[in-house]
Full PDB file with SEQRES, HELIX, SHEET, SSBOND, CRYST1, ORIGX, SCALE, CONECT and MASTER records, all heavy atoms in Angstrom:
SEQRES   1 A   42  THR GLN LEU HIS SER LYS TYR PHE ASN GLN ASN ASP PHE          
SEQRES   2 A   42  ASP GLN ILE SER MET GLY MET SER GLN ASP TYR LYS ILE          
SEQRES   3 A   42  ALA ILE GLU GLU GLY GLY THR MET VAL ARG ILE GLY SER          
SEQRES   4 A   42  SER ILE PHE                                                  
HELIX    1 AA1 GLN A    2  TYR A    7  1                                   6    
HELIX    2 AA2 TYR A   24  GLU A   29  1                                   6    
HELIX    3 AA3 GLY A   38  ILE A   41  1                                   4    
SHEET    1 AA1 2 SER A  17  MET A  20  0                                        
SHEET    2 AA1 2 MET A  34  ARG A  36  1                                        
CRYST1    1.000    1.000    1.000  90.00  90.00  90.00 P 1           1          
ORIGX1      1.000000  0.000000  0.000000        0.00000                         
ORIGX2      0.000000  1.000000  0.000000        0.00000                         
ORIGX3      0.000000  0.000000  1.000000        0.00000                         
SCALE1      1.000000  0.000000  0.000000        0.00000                         
SCALE2      0.000000  1.000000  0.000000        0.00000                         
SCALE3      0.000000  0.000000  1.000000        0.00000                         
ATOM      1  N   THR A   1     135.649 128.734  83.669  1.00  0.00           N  
ATOM      2  CA  THR A   1     135.149 130.019  84.178  1.00  0.00           C  
ATOM      3  C   THR A   1     136.060 131.164  83.741  1.00  0.00           C  
ATOM      4  O   THR A   1     135.580 132.223  83.314  1.00  0.00           O  
ATOM      5  CB  THR A   1     135.026 129.982  85.712  1.00  0.00           C  
ATOM      6  OG1 THR A   1     134.105 128.939  86.061  1.00  0.00           O  
ATOM      7  CG2 THR A   1     134.537 131.301  86.267  1.00  0.00           C  
ATOM      8  N   GLN A   2     137.365 130.965  83.830  1.00  0.00           N  
ATOM      9  CA  GLN A   2     138.315 131.997  83.409  1.00  0.00           C  
ATOM     10  C   GLN A   2     138.191 132.298  81.919  1.00  0.00           C  
ATOM     11  O   GLN A   2     138.151 133.463  81.512  1.00  0.00           O  
ATOM     12  CB  GLN A   2     139.748 131.565  83.731  1.00  0.00           C  
ATOM     13  CG  GLN A   2     140.060 131.537  85.197  1.00  0.00           C  
ATOM     14  CD  GLN A   2     141.412 130.894  85.494  1.00  0.00           C  
ATOM     15  OE1 GLN A   2     142.114 130.435  84.594  1.00  0.00           O  
ATOM     16  NE2 GLN A   2     141.768 130.839  86.773  1.00  0.00           N  
ATOM     17  N   LEU A   3     138.131 131.265  81.103  1.00  0.00           N  
ATOM     18  CA  LEU A   3     137.995 131.465  79.663  1.00  0.00           C  
ATOM     19  C   LEU A   3     136.674 132.141  79.316  1.00  0.00           C  
ATOM     20  O   LEU A   3     136.622 133.036  78.472  1.00  0.00           O  
ATOM     21  CB  LEU A   3     138.101 130.130  78.922  1.00  0.00           C  
ATOM     22  CG  LEU A   3     139.475 129.474  78.909  1.00  0.00           C  
ATOM     23  CD1 LEU A   3     139.397 128.075  78.315  1.00  0.00           C  
ATOM     24  CD2 LEU A   3     140.473 130.324  78.149  1.00  0.00           C  
ATOM     25  N   HIS A   4     135.614 131.708  79.976  1.00  0.00           N  
ATOM     26  CA  HIS A   4     134.288 132.283  79.713  1.00  0.00           C  
ATOM     27  C   HIS A   4     134.274 133.772  80.019  1.00  0.00           C  
ATOM     28  O   HIS A   4     133.789 134.579  79.216  1.00  0.00           O  
ATOM     29  CB  HIS A   4     133.225 131.556  80.550  1.00  0.00           C  
ATOM     30  CG  HIS A   4     131.846 132.028  80.301  1.00  0.00           C  
ATOM     31  ND1 HIS A   4     131.256 133.010  81.059  1.00  0.00           N  
ATOM     32  CD2 HIS A   4     130.939 131.676  79.362  1.00  0.00           C  
ATOM     33  CE1 HIS A   4     130.043 133.232  80.606  1.00  0.00           C  
ATOM     34  NE2 HIS A   4     129.824 132.428  79.573  1.00  0.00           N  
ATOM     35  N   SER A   5     134.790 134.163  81.148  1.00  0.00           N  
ATOM     36  CA  SER A   5     134.737 135.571  81.536  1.00  0.00           C  
ATOM     37  C   SER A   5     135.676 136.441  80.702  1.00  0.00           C  
ATOM     38  O   SER A   5     135.399 137.617  80.478  1.00  0.00           O  
ATOM     39  CB  SER A   5     135.051 135.738  83.023  1.00  0.00           C  
ATOM     40  OG  SER A   5     136.380 135.347  83.291  1.00  0.00           O  
ATOM     41  N   LYS A   6     136.760 135.868  80.220  1.00  0.00           N  
ATOM     42  CA  LYS A   6     137.749 136.660  79.485  1.00  0.00           C  
ATOM     43  C   LYS A   6     137.447 136.763  77.986  1.00  0.00           C  
ATOM     44  O   LYS A   6     137.679 137.814  77.386  1.00  0.00           O  
ATOM     45  CB  LYS A   6     139.138 136.057  79.686  1.00  0.00           C  
ATOM     46  CG  LYS A   6     140.255 136.911  79.122  1.00  0.00           C  
ATOM     47  CD  LYS A   6     141.606 136.384  79.560  1.00  0.00           C  
ATOM     48  CE  LYS A   6     142.720 137.281  79.030  1.00  0.00           C  
ATOM     49  NZ  LYS A   6     144.037 136.844  79.465  1.00  0.00           N  
ATOM     50  N   TYR A   7     136.909 135.706  77.384  1.00  0.00           N  
ATOM     51  CA  TYR A   7     136.826 135.659  75.932  1.00  0.00           C  
ATOM     52  C   TYR A   7     135.415 135.538  75.339  1.00  0.00           C  
ATOM     53  O   TYR A   7     135.265 135.645  74.126  1.00  0.00           O  
ATOM     54  CB  TYR A   7     137.653 134.489  75.395  1.00  0.00           C  
ATOM     55  CG  TYR A   7     139.120 134.622  75.697  1.00  0.00           C  
ATOM     56  CD1 TYR A   7     139.727 133.810  76.655  1.00  0.00           C  
ATOM     57  CD2 TYR A   7     139.897 135.559  75.028  1.00  0.00           C  
ATOM     58  CE1 TYR A   7     141.084 133.926  76.923  1.00  0.00           C  
ATOM     59  CE2 TYR A   7     141.253 135.689  75.300  1.00  0.00           C  
ATOM     60  CZ  TYR A   7     141.837 134.865  76.247  1.00  0.00           C  
ATOM     61  OH  TYR A   7     143.172 134.990  76.518  1.00  0.00           O  
ATOM     62  N   PHE A   8     134.406 135.291  76.151  1.00  0.00           N  
ATOM     63  CA  PHE A   8     133.096 134.985  75.583  1.00  0.00           C  
ATOM     64  C   PHE A   8     131.998 135.889  76.148  1.00  0.00           C  
ATOM     65  O   PHE A   8     132.102 136.387  77.260  1.00  0.00           O  
ATOM     66  CB  PHE A   8     132.728 133.515  75.847  1.00  0.00           C  
ATOM     67  CG  PHE A   8     133.633 132.564  75.132  1.00  0.00           C  
ATOM     68  CD1 PHE A   8     134.761 132.067  75.752  1.00  0.00           C  
ATOM     69  CD2 PHE A   8     133.368 132.173  73.834  1.00  0.00           C  
ATOM     70  CE1 PHE A   8     135.618 131.192  75.098  1.00  0.00           C  
ATOM     71  CE2 PHE A   8     134.214 131.312  73.161  1.00  0.00           C  
ATOM     72  CZ  PHE A   8     135.340 130.811  73.798  1.00  0.00           C  
ATOM     73  N   ASN A   9     130.929 136.050  75.357  1.00  0.00           N  
ATOM     74  CA  ASN A   9     129.742 136.759  75.820  1.00  0.00           C  
ATOM     75  C   ASN A   9     129.002 135.899  76.838  1.00  0.00           C  
ATOM     76  O   ASN A   9     129.251 134.705  76.958  1.00  0.00           O  
ATOM     77  CB  ASN A   9     128.817 137.070  74.642  1.00  0.00           C  
ATOM     78  CG  ASN A   9     129.440 138.044  73.676  1.00  0.00           C  
ATOM     79  OD1 ASN A   9     130.166 138.939  74.079  1.00  0.00           O  
ATOM     80  ND2 ASN A   9     129.175 137.862  72.399  1.00  0.00           N  
ATOM     81  N   GLN A  10     128.054 136.494  77.508  1.00  0.00           N  
ATOM     82  CA  GLN A  10     127.329 135.822  78.594  1.00  0.00           C  
ATOM     83  C   GLN A  10     126.746 134.466  78.185  1.00  0.00           C  
ATOM     84  O   GLN A  10     126.850 133.506  78.922  1.00  0.00           O  
ATOM     85  CB  GLN A  10     126.208 136.744  79.106  1.00  0.00           C  
ATOM     86  CG  GLN A  10     125.455 136.210  80.300  1.00  0.00           C  
ATOM     87  CD  GLN A  10     126.297 136.139  81.568  1.00  0.00           C  
ATOM     88  OE1 GLN A  10     127.296 136.820  81.695  1.00  0.00           O  
ATOM     89  NE2 GLN A  10     125.889 135.315  82.493  1.00  0.00           N  
ATOM     90  N   ASN A  11     126.138 134.383  76.994  1.00  0.00           N  
ATOM     91  CA  ASN A  11     125.450 133.152  76.594  1.00  0.00           C  
ATOM     92  C   ASN A  11     126.307 132.200  75.762  1.00  0.00           C  
ATOM     93  O   ASN A  11     125.844 131.130  75.383  1.00  0.00           O  
ATOM     94  CB  ASN A  11     124.174 133.486  75.835  1.00  0.00           C  
ATOM     95  CG  ASN A  11     123.171 134.180  76.726  1.00  0.00           C  
ATOM     96  OD1 ASN A  11     123.068 133.879  77.912  1.00  0.00           O  
ATOM     97  ND2 ASN A  11     122.435 135.126  76.180  1.00  0.00           N  
ATOM     98  N   ASP A  12     127.532 132.589  75.448  1.00  0.00           N  
ATOM     99  CA  ASP A  12     128.411 131.716  74.685  1.00  0.00           C  
ATOM    100  C   ASP A  12     129.297 130.912  75.629  1.00  0.00           C  
ATOM    101  O   ASP A  12     129.630 131.350  76.715  1.00  0.00           O  
ATOM    102  CB  ASP A  12     129.319 132.547  73.762  1.00  0.00           C  
ATOM    103  CG  ASP A  12     128.546 133.259  72.673  1.00  0.00           C  
ATOM    104  OD1 ASP A  12     127.451 132.790  72.307  1.00  0.00           O  
ATOM    105  OD2 ASP A  12     129.037 134.294  72.195  1.00  0.00           O  
ATOM    106  N   PHE A  13     129.679 129.735  75.188  1.00  0.00           N  
ATOM    107  CA  PHE A  13     130.616 128.902  75.947  1.00  0.00           C  
ATOM    108  C   PHE A  13     130.104 128.659  77.364  1.00  0.00           C  
ATOM    109  O   PHE A  13     130.822 128.757  78.341  1.00  0.00           O  
ATOM    110  CB  PHE A  13     131.991 129.589  75.971  1.00  0.00           C  
ATOM    111  CG  PHE A  13     133.148 128.690  76.333  1.00  0.00           C  
ATOM    112  CD1 PHE A  13     133.499 127.625  75.531  1.00  0.00           C  
ATOM    113  CD2 PHE A  13     133.895 128.931  77.463  1.00  0.00           C  
ATOM    114  CE1 PHE A  13     134.565 126.802  75.854  1.00  0.00           C  
ATOM    115  CE2 PHE A  13     134.974 128.117  77.804  1.00  0.00           C  
ATOM    116  CZ  PHE A  13     135.309 127.052  76.991  1.00  0.00           C  
ATOM    117  N   ASP A  14     128.812 128.346  77.460  1.00  0.00           N  
ATOM    118  CA  ASP A  14     128.201 128.215  78.785  1.00  0.00           C  
ATOM    119  C   ASP A  14     128.025 126.768  79.230  1.00  0.00           C  
ATOM    120  O   ASP A  14     127.544 126.511  80.329  1.00  0.00           O  
ATOM    121  CB  ASP A  14     126.877 128.956  78.847  1.00  0.00           C  
ATOM    122  CG  ASP A  14     125.873 128.469  77.818  1.00  0.00           C  
ATOM    123  OD1 ASP A  14     126.266 127.727  76.902  1.00  0.00           O  
ATOM    124  OD2 ASP A  14     124.702 128.845  77.934  1.00  0.00           O  
ATOM    125  N   GLN A  15     128.422 125.815  78.403  1.00  0.00           N  
ATOM    126  CA  GLN A  15     128.329 124.406  78.775  1.00  0.00           C  
ATOM    127  C   GLN A  15     129.723 123.872  79.081  1.00  0.00           C  
ATOM    128  O   GLN A  15     130.703 124.295  78.474  1.00  0.00           O  
ATOM    129  CB  GLN A  15     127.722 123.587  77.629  1.00  0.00           C  
ATOM    130  CG  GLN A  15     126.339 124.031  77.230  1.00  0.00           C  
ATOM    131  CD  GLN A  15     125.325 123.836  78.333  1.00  0.00           C  
ATOM    132  OE1 GLN A  15     125.294 122.779  78.977  1.00  0.00           O  
ATOM    133  NE2 GLN A  15     124.495 124.830  78.558  1.00  0.00           N  
ATOM    134  N   ILE A  16     129.774 122.945  80.009  1.00  0.00           N  
ATOM    135  CA  ILE A  16     131.046 122.274  80.292  1.00  0.00           C  
ATOM    136  C   ILE A  16     130.777 120.773  80.415  1.00  0.00           C  
ATOM    137  O   ILE A  16     130.033 120.323  81.281  1.00  0.00           O  
ATOM    138  CB  ILE A  16     131.746 122.848  81.548  1.00  0.00           C  
ATOM    139  CG1 ILE A  16     133.071 122.140  81.786  1.00  0.00           C  
ATOM    140  CG2 ILE A  16     130.846 122.833  82.750  1.00  0.00           C  
ATOM    141  CD1 ILE A  16     133.952 122.800  82.820  1.00  0.00           C  
ATOM    142  N   SER A  17     131.344 120.041  79.481  1.00  0.00           N  
ATOM    143  CA  SER A  17     131.145 118.599  79.418  1.00  0.00           C  
ATOM    144  C   SER A  17     132.282 117.912  80.155  1.00  0.00           C  
ATOM    145  O   SER A  17     133.445 118.005  79.759  1.00  0.00           O  
ATOM    146  CB  SER A  17     131.120 118.154  77.951  1.00  0.00           C  
ATOM    147  OG  SER A  17     131.023 116.748  77.874  1.00  0.00           O  
ATOM    148  N   MET A  18     131.935 117.249  81.226  1.00  0.00           N  
ATOM    149  CA  MET A  18     132.922 116.471  81.978  1.00  0.00           C  
ATOM    150  C   MET A  18     132.182 115.404  82.763  1.00  0.00           C  
ATOM    151  O   MET A  18     131.052 115.595  83.174  1.00  0.00           O  
ATOM    152  CB  MET A  18     133.751 117.368  82.904  1.00  0.00           C  
ATOM    153  CG  MET A  18     132.999 118.157  83.925  1.00  0.00           C  
ATOM    154  SD  MET A  18     134.137 119.241  84.828  1.00  0.00           S  
ATOM    155  CE  MET A  18     133.037 119.939  86.052  1.00  0.00           C  
ATOM    156  N   GLY A  19     132.818 114.281  82.887  1.00  0.00           N  
ATOM    157  CA  GLY A  19     132.228 113.179  83.635  1.00  0.00           C  
ATOM    158  C   GLY A  19     131.692 112.095  82.726  1.00  0.00           C  
ATOM    159  O   GLY A  19     131.214 112.363  81.626  1.00  0.00           O  
ATOM    160  N   MET A  20     131.821 110.873  83.212  1.00  0.00           N  
ATOM    161  CA  MET A  20     131.328 109.704  82.498  1.00  0.00           C  
ATOM    162  C   MET A  20     130.536 108.854  83.487  1.00  0.00           C  
ATOM    163  O   MET A  20     130.357 109.245  84.640  1.00  0.00           O  
ATOM    164  CB  MET A  20     132.502 108.945  81.880  1.00  0.00           C  
ATOM    165  CG  MET A  20     133.259 109.798  80.862  1.00  0.00           C  
ATOM    166  SD  MET A  20     134.697 108.994  80.171  1.00  0.00           S  
ATOM    167  CE  MET A  20     133.917 107.865  79.035  1.00  0.00           C  
ATOM    168  N   SER A  21     130.071 107.707  83.036  1.00  0.00           N  
ATOM    169  CA  SER A  21     129.185 106.880  83.856  1.00  0.00           C  
ATOM    170  C   SER A  21     129.700 106.660  85.274  1.00  0.00           C  
ATOM    171  O   SER A  21     128.929 106.713  86.234  1.00  0.00           O  
ATOM    172  CB  SER A  21     128.957 105.520  83.188  1.00  0.00           C  
ATOM    173  OG  SER A  21     128.221 105.668  82.000  1.00  0.00           O  
ATOM    174  N   GLN A  22     130.998 106.431  85.435  1.00  0.00           N  
ATOM    175  CA  GLN A  22     131.535 106.093  86.751  1.00  0.00           C  
ATOM    176  C   GLN A  22     131.754 107.299  87.653  1.00  0.00           C  
ATOM    177  O   GLN A  22     131.897 107.143  88.868  1.00  0.00           O  
ATOM    178  CB  GLN A  22     132.832 105.281  86.627  1.00  0.00           C  
ATOM    179  CG  GLN A  22     134.008 106.054  86.069  1.00  0.00           C  
ATOM    180  CD  GLN A  22     134.050 106.107  84.556  1.00  0.00           C  
ATOM    181  OE1 GLN A  22     133.110 105.737  83.880  1.00  0.00           O  
ATOM    182  NE2 GLN A  22     135.156 106.590  84.028  1.00  0.00           N  
ATOM    183  N   ASP A  23     131.763 108.522  87.103  1.00  0.00           N  
ATOM    184  CA  ASP A  23     132.065 109.688  87.940  1.00  0.00           C  
ATOM    185  C   ASP A  23     131.144 110.889  87.673  1.00  0.00           C  
ATOM    186  O   ASP A  23     131.450 112.001  88.062  1.00  0.00           O  
ATOM    187  CB  ASP A  23     133.529 110.099  87.776  1.00  0.00           C  
ATOM    188  CG  ASP A  23     133.927 110.366  86.336  1.00  0.00           C  
ATOM    189  OD1 ASP A  23     133.052 110.606  85.481  1.00  0.00           O  
ATOM    190  OD2 ASP A  23     135.140 110.327  86.047  1.00  0.00           O  
ATOM    191  N   TYR A  24     130.005 110.638  87.031  1.00  0.00           N  
ATOM    192  CA  TYR A  24     129.130 111.746  86.649  1.00  0.00           C  
ATOM    193  C   TYR A  24     128.598 112.534  87.844  1.00  0.00           C  
ATOM    194  O   TYR A  24     128.411 113.753  87.746  1.00  0.00           O  
ATOM    195  CB  TYR A  24     127.970 111.261  85.763  1.00  0.00           C  
ATOM    196  CG  TYR A  24     126.885 110.550  86.505  1.00  0.00           C  
ATOM    197  CD1 TYR A  24     125.785 111.246  86.989  1.00  0.00           C  
ATOM    198  CD2 TYR A  24     126.952 109.185  86.737  1.00  0.00           C  
ATOM    199  CE1 TYR A  24     124.778 110.590  87.681  1.00  0.00           C  
ATOM    200  CE2 TYR A  24     125.959 108.529  87.423  1.00  0.00           C  
ATOM    201  CZ  TYR A  24     124.867 109.234  87.884  1.00  0.00           C  
ATOM    202  OH  TYR A  24     123.879 108.589  88.571  1.00  0.00           O  
ATOM    203  N   LYS A  25     128.378 111.876  88.959  1.00  0.00           N  
ATOM    204  CA  LYS A  25     127.850 112.599  90.130  1.00  0.00           C  
ATOM    205  C   LYS A  25     128.853 113.654  90.611  1.00  0.00           C  
ATOM    206  O   LYS A  25     128.464 114.779  90.926  1.00  0.00           O  
ATOM    207  CB  LYS A  25     127.516 111.627  91.254  1.00  0.00           C  
ATOM    208  CG  LYS A  25     126.316 110.759  90.946  1.00  0.00           C  
ATOM    209  CD  LYS A  25     126.025 109.785  92.079  1.00  0.00           C  
ATOM    210  CE  LYS A  25     124.879 108.869  91.700  1.00  0.00           C  
ATOM    211  NZ  LYS A  25     124.597 107.893  92.742  1.00  0.00           N  
ATOM    212  N   ILE A  26     130.113 113.296  90.650  1.00  0.00           N  
ATOM    213  CA  ILE A  26     131.147 114.251  91.052  1.00  0.00           C  
ATOM    214  C   ILE A  26     131.226 115.379  90.029  1.00  0.00           C  
ATOM    215  O   ILE A  26     131.338 116.551  90.391  1.00  0.00           O  
ATOM    216  CB  ILE A  26     132.518 113.558  91.200  1.00  0.00           C  
ATOM    217  CG1 ILE A  26     132.466 112.485  92.295  1.00  0.00           C  
ATOM    218  CG2 ILE A  26     133.611 114.579  91.509  1.00  0.00           C  
ATOM    219  CD1 ILE A  26     133.692 111.589  92.338  1.00  0.00           C  
ATOM    220  N   ALA A  27     131.163 115.027  88.748  1.00  0.00           N  
ATOM    221  CA  ALA A  27     131.225 116.044  87.688  1.00  0.00           C  
ATOM    222  C   ALA A  27     130.099 117.061  87.844  1.00  0.00           C  
ATOM    223  O   ALA A  27     130.326 118.271  87.736  1.00  0.00           O  
ATOM    224  CB  ALA A  27     131.157 115.382  86.321  1.00  0.00           C  
ATOM    225  N   ILE A  28     128.905 116.609  88.110  1.00  0.00           N  
ATOM    226  CA  ILE A  28     127.768 117.514  88.296  1.00  0.00           C  
ATOM    227  C   ILE A  28     127.973 118.377  89.536  1.00  0.00           C  
ATOM    228  O   ILE A  28     127.740 119.591  89.511  1.00  0.00           O  
ATOM    229  CB  ILE A  28     126.448 116.722  88.365  1.00  0.00           C  
ATOM    230  CG1 ILE A  28     126.147 116.099  86.993  1.00  0.00           C  
ATOM    231  CG2 ILE A  28     125.296 117.620  88.826  1.00  0.00           C  
ATOM    232  CD1 ILE A  28     125.021 115.094  87.003  1.00  0.00           C  
ATOM    233  N   GLU A  29     128.428 117.768  90.616  1.00  0.00           N  
ATOM    234  CA  GLU A  29     128.694 118.531  91.845  1.00  0.00           C  
ATOM    235  C   GLU A  29     129.734 119.628  91.620  1.00  0.00           C  
ATOM    236  O   GLU A  29     129.666 120.686  92.242  1.00  0.00           O  
ATOM    237  CB  GLU A  29     129.169 117.597  92.953  1.00  0.00           C  
ATOM    238  CG  GLU A  29     128.108 116.675  93.475  1.00  0.00           C  
ATOM    239  CD  GLU A  29     128.650 115.592  94.404  1.00  0.00           C  
ATOM    240  OE1 GLU A  29     129.884 115.494  94.599  1.00  0.00           O  
ATOM    241  OE2 GLU A  29     127.823 114.825  94.927  1.00  0.00           O  
ATOM    242  N   GLU A  30     130.674 119.380  90.714  1.00  0.00           N  
ATOM    243  CA  GLU A  30     131.746 120.344  90.459  1.00  0.00           C  
ATOM    244  C   GLU A  30     131.438 121.292  89.298  1.00  0.00           C  
ATOM    245  O   GLU A  30     132.291 122.043  88.877  1.00  0.00           O  
ATOM    246  CB  GLU A  30     133.065 119.619  90.223  1.00  0.00           C  
ATOM    247  CG  GLU A  30     133.571 118.879  91.438  1.00  0.00           C  
ATOM    248  CD  GLU A  30     133.766 119.762  92.655  1.00  0.00           C  
ATOM    249  OE1 GLU A  30     134.065 120.957  92.503  1.00  0.00           O  
ATOM    250  OE2 GLU A  30     133.609 119.240  93.789  1.00  0.00           O  
ATOM    251  N   GLY A  31     130.208 121.240  88.783  1.00  0.00           N  
ATOM    252  CA  GLY A  31     129.784 122.231  87.786  1.00  0.00           C  
ATOM    253  C   GLY A  31     129.584 121.720  86.383  1.00  0.00           C  
ATOM    254  O   GLY A  31     129.296 122.505  85.481  1.00  0.00           O  
ATOM    255  N   GLY A  32     129.712 120.443  86.149  1.00  0.00           N  
ATOM    256  CA  GLY A  32     129.498 119.891  84.815  1.00  0.00           C  
ATOM    257  C   GLY A  32     128.044 120.072  84.381  1.00  0.00           C  
ATOM    258  O   GLY A  32     127.125 119.890  85.175  1.00  0.00           O  
ATOM    259  N   THR A  33     127.850 120.440  83.129  1.00  0.00           N  
ATOM    260  CA  THR A  33     126.493 120.622  82.602  1.00  0.00           C  
ATOM    261  C   THR A  33     126.137 119.550  81.583  1.00  0.00           C  
ATOM    262  O   THR A  33     124.981 119.440  81.186  1.00  0.00           O  
ATOM    263  CB  THR A  33     126.331 122.006  81.953  1.00  0.00           C  
ATOM    264  OG1 THR A  33     127.292 122.145  80.909  1.00  0.00           O  
ATOM    265  CG2 THR A  33     126.513 123.108  82.982  1.00  0.00           C  
ATOM    266  N   MET A  34     127.116 118.796  81.139  1.00  0.00           N  
ATOM    267  CA  MET A  34     126.893 117.673  80.229  1.00  0.00           C  
ATOM    268  C   MET A  34     127.750 116.507  80.722  1.00  0.00           C  
ATOM    269  O   MET A  34     128.914 116.714  81.069  1.00  0.00           O  
ATOM    270  CB  MET A  34     127.312 118.030  78.806  1.00  0.00           C  
ATOM    271  CG  MET A  34     126.546 119.155  78.200  1.00  0.00           C  
ATOM    272  SD  MET A  34     127.383 119.671  76.694  1.00  0.00           S  
ATOM    273  CE  MET A  34     126.150 119.344  75.505  1.00  0.00           C  
ATOM    274  N   VAL A  35     127.173 115.323  80.759  1.00  0.00           N  
ATOM    275  CA  VAL A  35     127.922 114.132  81.159  1.00  0.00           C  
ATOM    276  C   VAL A  35     127.713 113.038  80.123  1.00  0.00           C  
ATOM    277  O   VAL A  35     126.702 113.012  79.426  1.00  0.00           O  
ATOM    278  CB  VAL A  35     127.516 113.624  82.559  1.00  0.00           C  
ATOM    279  CG1 VAL A  35     127.927 114.610  83.636  1.00  0.00           C  
ATOM    280  CG2 VAL A  35     126.034 113.343  82.640  1.00  0.00           C  
ATOM    281  N   ARG A  36     128.673 112.161  80.019  1.00  0.00           N  
ATOM    282  CA  ARG A  36     128.597 111.042  79.075  1.00  0.00           C  
ATOM    283  C   ARG A  36     128.331 109.768  79.878  1.00  0.00           C  
ATOM    284  O   ARG A  36     129.180 109.344  80.658  1.00  0.00           O  
ATOM    285  CB  ARG A  36     129.914 110.943  78.303  1.00  0.00           C  
ATOM    286  CG  ARG A  36     130.151 112.178  77.435  1.00  0.00           C  
ATOM    287  CD  ARG A  36     131.592 112.242  76.991  1.00  0.00           C  
ATOM    288  NE  ARG A  36     132.459 112.449  78.142  1.00  0.00           N  
ATOM    289  CZ  ARG A  36     133.148 113.568  78.370  1.00  0.00           C  
ATOM    290  NH1 ARG A  36     133.112 114.550  77.524  1.00  0.00           N  
ATOM    291  NH2 ARG A  36     133.893 113.692  79.437  1.00  0.00           N  
ATOM    292  N   ILE A  37     127.150 109.210  79.691  1.00  0.00           N  
ATOM    293  CA  ILE A  37     126.744 108.060  80.502  1.00  0.00           C  
ATOM    294  C   ILE A  37     126.338 106.861  79.646  1.00  0.00           C  
ATOM    295  O   ILE A  37     125.482 106.063  80.023  1.00  0.00           O  
ATOM    296  CB  ILE A  37     125.613 108.449  81.475  1.00  0.00           C  
ATOM    297  CG1 ILE A  37     124.423 109.063  80.740  1.00  0.00           C  
ATOM    298  CG2 ILE A  37     126.130 109.411  82.535  1.00  0.00           C  
ATOM    299  CD1 ILE A  37     123.188 109.222  81.586  1.00  0.00           C  
ATOM    300  N   GLY A  38     126.967 106.714  78.505  1.00  0.00           N  
ATOM    301  CA  GLY A  38     126.641 105.616  77.593  1.00  0.00           C  
ATOM    302  C   GLY A  38     126.757 104.240  78.218  1.00  0.00           C  
ATOM    303  O   GLY A  38     125.902 103.380  78.009  1.00  0.00           O  
ATOM    304  N   SER A  39     127.790 103.997  78.999  1.00  0.00           N  
ATOM    305  CA  SER A  39     127.962 102.684  79.626  1.00  0.00           C  
ATOM    306  C   SER A  39     126.847 102.367  80.607  1.00  0.00           C  
ATOM    307  O   SER A  39     126.439 101.219  80.738  1.00  0.00           O  
ATOM    308  CB  SER A  39     129.316 102.607  80.346  1.00  0.00           C  
ATOM    309  OG  SER A  39     130.366 102.706  79.423  1.00  0.00           O  
ATOM    310  N   SER A  40     126.343 103.387  81.280  1.00  0.00           N  
ATOM    311  CA  SER A  40     125.231 103.169  82.213  1.00  0.00           C  
ATOM    312  C   SER A  40     123.946 102.819  81.469  1.00  0.00           C  
ATOM    313  O   SER A  40     123.115 102.079  81.973  1.00  0.00           O  
ATOM    314  CB  SER A  40     124.993 104.418  83.061  1.00  0.00           C  
ATOM    315  OG  SER A  40     126.053 104.616  83.959  1.00  0.00           O  
ATOM    316  N   ILE A  41     123.803 103.338  80.270  1.00  0.00           N  
ATOM    317  CA  ILE A  41     122.594 103.084  79.482  1.00  0.00           C  
ATOM    318  C   ILE A  41     122.726 101.792  78.678  1.00  0.00           C  
ATOM    319  O   ILE A  41     121.834 100.942  78.698  1.00  0.00           O  
ATOM    320  CB  ILE A  41     122.314 104.261  78.524  1.00  0.00           C  
ATOM    321  CG1 ILE A  41     122.025 105.532  79.329  1.00  0.00           C  
ATOM    322  CG2 ILE A  41     121.160 103.942  77.581  1.00  0.00           C  
ATOM    323  CD1 ILE A  41     121.993 106.801  78.501  1.00  0.00           C  
ATOM    324  N   PHE A  42     123.840 101.641  77.969  1.00  0.00           N  
ATOM    325  CA  PHE A  42     124.003 100.542  77.021  1.00  0.00           C  
ATOM    326  C   PHE A  42     124.848  99.390  77.538  1.00  0.00           C  
ATOM    327  O   PHE A  42     124.946  98.355  76.894  1.00  0.00           O  
ATOM    328  CB  PHE A  42     124.623 101.073  75.723  1.00  0.00           C  
ATOM    329  CG  PHE A  42     123.804 102.136  75.066  1.00  0.00           C  
ATOM    330  CD1 PHE A  42     124.246 103.443  75.038  1.00  0.00           C  
ATOM    331  CD2 PHE A  42     122.572 101.841  74.500  1.00  0.00           C  
ATOM    332  CE1 PHE A  42     123.494 104.437  74.437  1.00  0.00           C  
ATOM    333  CE2 PHE A  42     121.810 102.820  73.905  1.00  0.00           C  
ATOM    334  CZ  PHE A  42     122.264 104.125  73.870  1.00  0.00           C  
TER     335      PHE A  42                                                      
MASTER        0    0    0    3    2    0    0    6  334    1    0    4          
END                                                                             
């Protein structure tokens, strides 16, 4: 959030990838917009 507001335009740098299969729910709750869930799928 700090980097976005200081260095980027409104539509740039708007995704935040955090969380994996074991913790994706927490990542989403804390603002993650992309999660890696390969182990849950494969």
